[in-house]
N, C-alpha and C. Protein backbone atom coordinates (compact mmCIF):
# COMPACT_ATOMS: atom_id res chain seq x y z
N MET A 1 0.85 -1.18 0.00
CA MET A 1 0.00 0.00 0.00
C MET A 1 0.89 1.24 0.00
N PRO A 2 0.62 2.23 -0.83
CA PRO A 2 1.44 3.43 -0.88
C PRO A 2 1.42 4.18 0.43
N ALA A 3 2.51 4.93 0.66
CA ALA A 3 2.67 5.66 1.91
C ALA A 3 1.72 6.85 1.99
N HIS A 4 1.22 7.32 0.87
CA HIS A 4 0.34 8.49 0.86
C HIS A 4 -0.46 8.47 -0.43
N ASP A 5 -1.36 9.40 -0.54
CA ASP A 5 -2.29 9.37 -1.66
C ASP A 5 -1.79 10.05 -2.93
N SER A 6 -0.78 10.89 -2.86
CA SER A 6 -0.35 11.63 -4.04
C SER A 6 0.27 10.69 -5.07
N ALA A 7 0.24 11.11 -6.33
CA ALA A 7 0.74 10.27 -7.41
C ALA A 7 2.25 10.08 -7.32
N ALA A 8 2.98 11.12 -6.97
CA ALA A 8 4.43 11.02 -6.87
C ALA A 8 4.83 10.77 -5.42
N PRO A 9 5.63 9.72 -5.18
CA PRO A 9 6.02 9.43 -3.80
C PRO A 9 6.96 10.51 -3.27
N SER A 10 6.89 10.71 -1.95
CA SER A 10 7.84 11.62 -1.32
C SER A 10 9.22 10.97 -1.35
N THR A 11 10.23 11.75 -1.68
CA THR A 11 11.59 11.23 -1.68
C THR A 11 12.19 11.43 -0.30
N ILE A 12 12.68 10.34 0.27
CA ILE A 12 13.30 10.36 1.58
C ILE A 12 14.79 10.17 1.38
N LEU A 13 15.58 11.04 1.99
CA LEU A 13 17.03 10.93 1.95
C LEU A 13 17.48 10.20 3.21
N VAL A 14 18.09 9.03 3.03
CA VAL A 14 18.59 8.22 4.14
C VAL A 14 20.08 8.47 4.26
N ALA A 15 20.51 9.02 5.41
CA ALA A 15 21.92 9.28 5.66
C ALA A 15 22.42 8.32 6.74
N ASP A 16 23.32 7.44 6.35
CA ASP A 16 23.89 6.47 7.29
C ASP A 16 25.25 6.08 6.75
N ASP A 17 26.28 6.16 7.59
CA ASP A 17 27.63 5.85 7.14
C ASP A 17 27.83 4.35 6.89
N THR A 18 26.95 3.52 7.41
CA THR A 18 26.99 2.09 7.14
C THR A 18 26.17 1.83 5.88
N ARG A 19 26.86 1.54 4.80
CA ARG A 19 26.19 1.41 3.49
C ARG A 19 25.07 0.37 3.51
N ASP A 20 25.33 -0.79 4.09
CA ASP A 20 24.30 -1.83 4.12
C ASP A 20 23.06 -1.35 4.87
N ALA A 21 23.27 -0.67 5.99
CA ALA A 21 22.13 -0.17 6.77
C ALA A 21 21.33 0.84 5.96
N ALA A 22 22.01 1.74 5.28
CA ALA A 22 21.33 2.74 4.46
C ALA A 22 20.51 2.06 3.37
N GLU A 23 21.08 1.07 2.72
CA GLU A 23 20.38 0.36 1.64
C GLU A 23 19.16 -0.39 2.16
N VAL A 24 19.28 -1.03 3.33
CA VAL A 24 18.14 -1.76 3.90
C VAL A 24 17.01 -0.79 4.22
N VAL A 25 17.33 0.34 4.85
CA VAL A 25 16.30 1.32 5.18
C VAL A 25 15.67 1.88 3.91
N ALA A 26 16.48 2.15 2.90
CA ALA A 26 15.94 2.65 1.63
C ALA A 26 14.97 1.65 1.01
N ARG A 27 15.31 0.36 1.04
CA ARG A 27 14.41 -0.67 0.49
C ARG A 27 13.12 -0.76 1.29
N LEU A 28 13.20 -0.63 2.62
CA LEU A 28 11.99 -0.62 3.46
C LEU A 28 11.08 0.54 3.06
N LEU A 29 11.69 1.71 2.88
CA LEU A 29 10.91 2.89 2.50
C LEU A 29 10.25 2.71 1.14
N GLU A 30 10.99 2.15 0.21
CA GLU A 30 10.43 1.90 -1.13
C GLU A 30 9.30 0.88 -1.06
N HIS A 31 9.42 -0.09 -0.18
CA HIS A 31 8.39 -1.12 -0.03
C HIS A 31 7.05 -0.51 0.41
N VAL A 32 7.09 0.56 1.21
CA VAL A 32 5.85 1.19 1.67
C VAL A 32 5.45 2.39 0.80
N GLY A 33 6.16 2.61 -0.31
CA GLY A 33 5.70 3.58 -1.28
C GLY A 33 6.47 4.88 -1.43
N TYR A 34 7.58 5.01 -0.73
CA TYR A 34 8.39 6.22 -0.88
C TYR A 34 9.50 5.99 -1.90
N ALA A 35 10.00 7.06 -2.47
CA ALA A 35 11.25 7.01 -3.22
C ALA A 35 12.36 7.27 -2.20
N ALA A 36 13.50 6.63 -2.36
CA ALA A 36 14.57 6.77 -1.38
C ALA A 36 15.91 6.99 -2.06
N LEU A 37 16.70 7.85 -1.44
CA LEU A 37 18.09 8.10 -1.85
C LEU A 37 18.97 7.80 -0.66
N CYS A 38 20.19 7.37 -0.92
CA CYS A 38 21.13 7.11 0.17
C CYS A 38 22.31 8.07 0.12
N ALA A 39 22.71 8.52 1.29
CA ALA A 39 23.94 9.28 1.47
C ALA A 39 24.72 8.58 2.56
N HIS A 40 26.03 8.52 2.44
CA HIS A 40 26.83 7.76 3.38
C HIS A 40 27.66 8.65 4.30
N SER A 41 27.29 9.93 4.34
CA SER A 41 27.88 10.88 5.28
C SER A 41 26.98 12.11 5.30
N ALA A 42 27.17 12.92 6.32
CA ALA A 42 26.41 14.17 6.40
C ALA A 42 26.77 15.08 5.22
N ARG A 43 28.02 15.12 4.85
CA ARG A 43 28.46 15.95 3.72
C ARG A 43 27.76 15.51 2.43
N GLU A 44 27.71 14.21 2.20
CA GLU A 44 27.04 13.69 1.00
C GLU A 44 25.55 14.04 1.03
N ALA A 45 24.94 13.96 2.22
CA ALA A 45 23.52 14.32 2.35
C ALA A 45 23.31 15.79 1.99
N LEU A 46 24.17 16.65 2.49
CA LEU A 46 24.05 18.08 2.19
C LEU A 46 24.25 18.35 0.70
N ASP A 47 25.19 17.65 0.09
CA ASP A 47 25.42 17.81 -1.36
C ASP A 47 24.17 17.41 -2.14
N LEU A 48 23.54 16.29 -1.76
CA LEU A 48 22.32 15.86 -2.45
C LEU A 48 21.19 16.87 -2.26
N LEU A 49 21.08 17.42 -1.08
CA LEU A 49 20.05 18.42 -0.82
C LEU A 49 20.28 19.68 -1.65
N ASP A 50 21.53 20.04 -1.87
CA ASP A 50 21.85 21.20 -2.71
C ASP A 50 21.52 20.92 -4.18
N GLU A 51 21.64 19.67 -4.61
CA GLU A 51 21.45 19.30 -6.00
C GLU A 51 20.00 19.00 -6.37
N ARG A 52 19.21 18.57 -5.39
CA ARG A 52 17.86 18.07 -5.70
C ARG A 52 16.81 18.85 -4.93
N SER A 53 15.68 19.08 -5.59
CA SER A 53 14.59 19.81 -4.93
C SER A 53 13.43 18.90 -4.55
N ASP A 54 13.56 17.60 -4.83
CA ASP A 54 12.46 16.67 -4.59
C ASP A 54 12.54 15.93 -3.26
N ILE A 55 13.53 16.24 -2.43
CA ILE A 55 13.67 15.54 -1.16
C ILE A 55 12.70 16.15 -0.15
N GLY A 56 11.84 15.29 0.39
CA GLY A 56 10.79 15.75 1.29
C GLY A 56 11.08 15.55 2.76
N LEU A 57 12.08 14.70 3.08
CA LEU A 57 12.40 14.40 4.47
C LEU A 57 13.77 13.77 4.52
N VAL A 58 14.49 14.01 5.62
CA VAL A 58 15.79 13.37 5.84
C VAL A 58 15.65 12.43 7.02
N LEU A 59 16.12 11.20 6.83
CA LEU A 59 16.18 10.20 7.88
C LEU A 59 17.65 9.88 8.06
N SER A 60 18.22 10.30 9.21
CA SER A 60 19.66 10.19 9.40
C SER A 60 20.03 9.38 10.63
N ASP A 61 21.11 8.64 10.50
CA ASP A 61 21.70 7.97 11.65
C ASP A 61 22.28 9.03 12.57
N VAL A 62 22.30 8.74 13.86
CA VAL A 62 22.90 9.68 14.82
C VAL A 62 24.41 9.57 14.79
N ARG A 63 24.92 8.36 14.90
CA ARG A 63 26.36 8.14 15.05
C ARG A 63 27.01 7.98 13.69
N MET A 64 27.61 9.07 13.21
CA MET A 64 28.37 9.03 11.97
C MET A 64 29.68 9.76 12.24
N PRO A 65 30.76 9.32 11.61
CA PRO A 65 32.04 10.02 11.82
C PRO A 65 32.01 11.42 11.23
N GLY A 66 32.79 12.30 11.80
CA GLY A 66 32.83 13.68 11.33
C GLY A 66 31.62 14.43 11.83
N VAL A 67 30.70 14.72 10.95
CA VAL A 67 29.47 15.41 11.30
C VAL A 67 28.43 14.35 11.66
N ASP A 68 28.01 14.32 12.94
CA ASP A 68 27.03 13.31 13.33
C ASP A 68 25.62 13.80 13.02
N GLY A 69 24.64 12.96 13.31
CA GLY A 69 23.25 13.29 13.00
C GLY A 69 22.75 14.53 13.71
N PHE A 70 23.18 14.74 14.97
CA PHE A 70 22.75 15.92 15.71
C PHE A 70 23.27 17.20 15.05
N ASP A 71 24.55 17.17 14.64
CA ASP A 71 25.11 18.33 13.95
C ASP A 71 24.44 18.54 12.59
N LEU A 72 24.12 17.45 11.91
CA LEU A 72 23.43 17.55 10.63
C LEU A 72 22.09 18.24 10.82
N VAL A 73 21.35 17.89 11.88
CA VAL A 73 20.07 18.53 12.15
C VAL A 73 20.25 20.04 12.30
N ARG A 74 21.27 20.44 13.04
CA ARG A 74 21.51 21.88 13.25
C ARG A 74 21.78 22.59 11.93
N VAL A 75 22.56 21.97 11.05
CA VAL A 75 22.86 22.56 9.74
C VAL A 75 21.58 22.62 8.90
N LEU A 76 20.82 21.53 8.92
CA LEU A 76 19.59 21.50 8.13
C LEU A 76 18.59 22.54 8.61
N ARG A 77 18.48 22.74 9.91
CA ARG A 77 17.55 23.74 10.43
C ARG A 77 17.94 25.15 9.97
N HIS A 78 19.22 25.36 9.78
CA HIS A 78 19.70 26.67 9.30
C HIS A 78 19.52 26.81 7.79
N ARG A 79 19.92 25.78 7.03
CA ARG A 79 19.91 25.88 5.56
C ARG A 79 18.59 25.51 4.93
N PHE A 80 17.85 24.58 5.54
CA PHE A 80 16.58 24.10 4.99
C PHE A 80 15.55 24.03 6.13
N PRO A 81 15.13 25.18 6.65
CA PRO A 81 14.31 25.19 7.87
C PRO A 81 12.98 24.46 7.76
N ALA A 82 12.42 24.30 6.59
CA ALA A 82 11.13 23.63 6.44
C ALA A 82 11.26 22.12 6.22
N LEU A 83 12.48 21.63 6.09
CA LEU A 83 12.71 20.22 5.77
C LEU A 83 12.60 19.36 7.04
N PRO A 84 11.66 18.42 7.06
CA PRO A 84 11.53 17.54 8.23
C PRO A 84 12.71 16.58 8.33
N VAL A 85 13.08 16.27 9.58
CA VAL A 85 14.20 15.36 9.85
C VAL A 85 13.79 14.39 10.96
N ILE A 86 14.15 13.15 10.77
CA ILE A 86 14.01 12.12 11.80
C ILE A 86 15.37 11.47 11.95
N LEU A 87 15.79 11.24 13.19
CA LEU A 87 17.05 10.55 13.44
C LEU A 87 16.78 9.11 13.86
N MET A 88 17.77 8.27 13.63
CA MET A 88 17.68 6.86 14.03
C MET A 88 19.03 6.45 14.63
N THR A 89 18.98 5.52 15.57
CA THR A 89 20.21 5.04 16.19
C THR A 89 20.00 3.67 16.79
N GLY A 90 21.08 2.93 16.87
CA GLY A 90 21.05 1.63 17.53
C GLY A 90 21.55 1.73 18.95
N LEU A 91 22.02 2.90 19.34
CA LEU A 91 22.57 3.11 20.68
C LEU A 91 21.66 4.04 21.47
N PRO A 92 21.71 3.94 22.80
CA PRO A 92 20.89 4.85 23.61
C PRO A 92 21.33 6.30 23.43
N VAL A 93 20.37 7.21 23.50
CA VAL A 93 20.66 8.64 23.43
C VAL A 93 20.35 9.22 24.80
N THR A 94 21.31 9.95 25.36
CA THR A 94 21.12 10.57 26.67
C THR A 94 21.15 12.09 26.53
N GLU A 95 20.79 12.78 27.60
CA GLU A 95 20.83 14.25 27.58
C GLU A 95 22.24 14.76 27.30
N GLU A 96 23.25 14.02 27.74
CA GLU A 96 24.64 14.45 27.53
C GLU A 96 25.04 14.43 26.06
N ASP A 97 24.27 13.73 25.24
CA ASP A 97 24.58 13.67 23.80
C ASP A 97 24.30 15.00 23.10
N GLY A 98 23.51 15.85 23.72
CA GLY A 98 23.24 17.16 23.14
C GLY A 98 22.30 17.13 21.95
N ALA A 99 21.28 16.31 22.01
CA ALA A 99 20.31 16.24 20.91
C ALA A 99 19.60 17.58 20.75
N PRO A 100 19.42 18.04 19.53
CA PRO A 100 18.68 19.28 19.29
C PRO A 100 17.25 19.16 19.83
N SER A 101 16.70 20.24 20.27
CA SER A 101 15.35 20.22 20.83
C SER A 101 14.33 19.81 19.77
N GLY A 102 13.35 19.04 20.19
CA GLY A 102 12.24 18.67 19.33
C GLY A 102 12.54 17.65 18.26
N ILE A 103 13.71 17.04 18.29
CA ILE A 103 14.05 16.07 17.24
C ILE A 103 13.63 14.66 17.67
N GLU A 104 13.03 13.93 16.75
CA GLU A 104 12.63 12.55 17.02
C GLU A 104 13.82 11.64 16.76
N VAL A 105 14.04 10.70 17.69
CA VAL A 105 15.09 9.71 17.52
C VAL A 105 14.45 8.33 17.66
N LEU A 106 14.43 7.59 16.56
CA LEU A 106 13.88 6.25 16.54
C LEU A 106 15.00 5.24 16.79
N GLN A 107 14.67 4.17 17.49
CA GLN A 107 15.64 3.13 17.79
C GLN A 107 15.70 2.09 16.67
N LYS A 108 16.92 1.70 16.31
CA LYS A 108 17.13 0.58 15.39
C LYS A 108 17.08 -0.70 16.21
N PRO A 109 16.64 -1.80 15.66
CA PRO A 109 16.13 -1.93 14.31
C PRO A 109 14.78 -1.23 14.18
N LEU A 110 14.58 -0.64 13.03
CA LEU A 110 13.38 0.14 12.79
C LEU A 110 12.18 -0.77 12.51
N ASP A 111 11.06 -0.41 13.09
CA ASP A 111 9.79 -1.05 12.77
C ASP A 111 9.20 -0.24 11.62
N VAL A 112 8.98 -0.86 10.48
CA VAL A 112 8.58 -0.13 9.28
C VAL A 112 7.24 0.59 9.48
N ALA A 113 6.31 0.00 10.22
CA ALA A 113 5.02 0.67 10.45
C ALA A 113 5.19 1.91 11.32
N VAL A 114 6.03 1.82 12.34
CA VAL A 114 6.30 2.98 13.21
C VAL A 114 7.03 4.06 12.41
N LEU A 115 8.02 3.66 11.63
CA LEU A 115 8.75 4.62 10.81
C LEU A 115 7.81 5.31 9.83
N ASP A 116 6.96 4.55 9.17
CA ASP A 116 6.02 5.12 8.21
C ASP A 116 5.09 6.12 8.91
N ALA A 117 4.62 5.79 10.09
CA ALA A 117 3.74 6.70 10.83
C ALA A 117 4.45 8.01 11.17
N HIS A 118 5.72 7.92 11.58
CA HIS A 118 6.49 9.13 11.89
C HIS A 118 6.72 9.97 10.64
N ILE A 119 7.02 9.32 9.53
CA ILE A 119 7.23 10.04 8.27
C ILE A 119 5.94 10.74 7.84
N LYS A 120 4.83 10.01 7.86
CA LYS A 120 3.55 10.61 7.48
C LYS A 120 3.23 11.83 8.34
N ALA A 121 3.47 11.73 9.64
CA ALA A 121 3.19 12.85 10.54
C ALA A 121 4.07 14.05 10.21
N LYS A 122 5.35 13.80 9.96
CA LYS A 122 6.27 14.89 9.63
C LYS A 122 5.89 15.55 8.30
N LEU A 123 5.55 14.74 7.29
CA LEU A 123 5.17 15.30 6.00
C LEU A 123 3.85 16.06 6.09
N ALA A 124 2.91 15.55 6.86
CA ALA A 124 1.63 16.24 7.04
C ALA A 124 1.84 17.57 7.75
N ALA A 125 2.69 17.59 8.77
CA ALA A 125 2.97 18.84 9.49
C ALA A 125 3.65 19.84 8.56
N ARG A 126 4.56 19.36 7.73
CA ARG A 126 5.24 20.25 6.77
C ARG A 126 4.24 20.82 5.78
N ASP A 127 3.38 19.95 5.25
CA ASP A 127 2.40 20.39 4.25
C ASP A 127 1.36 21.32 4.86
N GLY A 128 1.03 21.13 6.13
CA GLY A 128 0.08 22.00 6.80
C GLY A 128 0.66 23.36 7.14
N ALA A 129 1.99 23.44 7.20
CA ALA A 129 2.66 24.70 7.55
C ALA A 129 2.82 25.61 6.35
N THR A 130 2.62 25.07 5.15
CA THR A 130 2.80 25.91 3.95
C THR A 130 1.52 26.54 3.48
């Protein structure tokens, strides 16, 4: 069943430095009706966002070398303030990690139904804000 009613699927950018993990998440997203792109670093994600206007949401791993998911959120909020972001991690997140306020962090392994619900909510909130 498609993730939403529109003819063109929302493109989700999956940022994860573990290539296999990024590919698995991308295939899960495609299975529920989204188009998915993979980036294997925060820098690559930012480059794709600069190149493409069809990305509707970023789903990023928290723990990445160099620029982690929390720092990526801060950059995205500055450069693309209307772009929804969801973070994912296989490790616990504590207050000491310095997570940006209001950011959702889903635990890996991801439950596709839970992930889809979070994506739909973020996209609906974005569409309602315009």
